[in-house]
């Protein structure tokens, strides 16, 4: 077995009325209207070696197989206000 480390950084420009809140589950999440949003890792796959290939998580067996390998996952979420 070997260890694969994936670093994902995403920056989103969001409306001012979207806020960060502490969810009852104990995690900080994004609140949009009456919905709570958390960010997670979802592996996408394709069978095509083509620049226009369609990537998806439709292969639930493969997606589950990859997610079963995750031993640690940490999400850090923050909002920075720009003037």
Protein backbone atom coordinates (compact mmCIF):
# COMPACT_ATOMS: atom_id res chain seq x y z
CA UNK A 1 0.00 0.00 0.00
CA UNK A 2 1.08 3.58 -0.58
CA UNK A 3 -0.28 6.95 0.51
CA UNK A 4 -1.75 9.43 -1.95
CA UNK A 5 -2.08 12.99 -0.66
CA UNK A 6 -4.46 15.34 -2.50
CA UNK A 7 -4.39 19.08 -1.80
CA UNK A 8 -7.41 20.95 -3.15
CA UNK A 9 -7.78 24.69 -2.81
CA UNK A 10 -10.82 26.46 -4.19
CA UNK A 11 -11.69 30.14 -4.06
CA UNK A 12 -15.29 31.16 -4.68
CA UNK A 13 -16.69 34.67 -5.06
CA UNK A 14 -19.98 34.47 -3.17
CA UNK A 15 -22.82 36.92 -2.49
CA UNK A 16 -22.70 38.91 0.75
CA UNK A 17 -25.78 37.17 2.14
CA UNK A 18 -24.03 33.77 2.13
CA UNK A 19 -22.59 33.22 5.59
CA UNK A 20 -20.56 30.73 7.58
CA UNK A 21 -22.38 29.08 10.48
CA UNK A 22 -21.69 26.34 12.99
CA UNK A 23 -23.87 23.38 12.06
CA UNK A 24 -25.40 21.13 14.74
CA UNK A 25 -23.09 18.34 13.49
CA UNK A 26 -20.13 20.32 14.83
CA UNK A 27 -18.68 21.57 11.53
CA UNK A 28 -18.54 25.06 10.08
CA UNK A 29 -20.57 25.23 6.88
CA UNK A 30 -21.75 27.73 4.32
CA UNK A 31 -25.37 28.84 4.75
CA UNK A 32 -27.21 29.75 1.55
CA UNK A 33 -30.82 30.64 2.22
CA UNK A 34 -32.23 27.75 4.25
CA UNK A 35 -29.60 25.21 3.10
CA UNK A 36 -26.29 24.22 4.66
CA UNK A 37 -23.35 23.47 2.36
CA UNK A 38 -20.24 21.51 3.27
CA UNK A 39 -17.35 20.77 0.92
CA UNK A 40 -16.09 17.27 0.46
CA UNK A 41 -14.05 15.23 -1.96
CA UNK A 42 -15.88 13.40 -4.71
CA UNK A 43 -13.73 11.50 -7.19
CA UNK A 44 -14.70 11.96 -10.83
CA UNK A 45 -13.81 9.47 -13.54
CA UNK A 46 -14.00 8.98 -17.28
CA UNK A 47 -13.15 6.19 -19.69
CA UNK A 48 -12.18 8.66 -22.43
CA UNK A 49 -8.66 9.97 -23.04
CA UNK A 50 -10.00 13.03 -24.81
CA UNK A 51 -9.71 16.76 -23.97
CA UNK A 52 -13.52 17.01 -24.17
CA UNK A 53 -14.14 13.95 -21.99
CA UNK A 54 -17.11 14.03 -19.65
CA UNK A 55 -16.06 13.48 -16.02
CA UNK A 56 -18.62 12.24 -13.51
CA UNK A 57 -19.23 10.27 -10.34
CA UNK A 58 -21.81 8.06 -12.10
CA UNK A 59 -19.75 4.90 -11.53
CA UNK A 60 -20.91 4.41 -7.95
CA UNK A 61 -18.85 1.26 -7.48
CA UNK A 62 -15.62 3.02 -8.43
CA UNK A 63 -16.56 6.14 -6.45
CA UNK A 64 -17.24 4.01 -3.36
CA UNK A 65 -13.99 2.09 -3.87
CA UNK A 66 -11.98 5.33 -3.97
CA UNK A 67 -13.86 6.91 -1.03
CA UNK A 68 -13.30 3.75 1.05
CA UNK A 69 -9.56 4.47 0.76
CA UNK A 70 -9.88 7.90 2.43
CA UNK A 71 -8.34 7.67 5.89
CA UNK A 72 -8.35 11.37 6.75
CA UNK A 73 -10.23 14.39 5.47
CA UNK A 74 -10.12 17.94 6.78
CA UNK A 75 -11.95 20.94 5.40
CA UNK A 76 -11.01 24.50 6.35
CA UNK A 77 -13.55 27.11 5.28
CA UNK A 78 -13.37 30.87 5.76
CA UNK A 79 -14.82 34.04 4.28
CA UNK A 80 -12.62 37.06 3.58
CA UNK A 81 -14.34 40.37 2.91
CA UNK A 82 -12.79 42.60 0.24
CA UNK A 83 -13.42 46.30 0.05
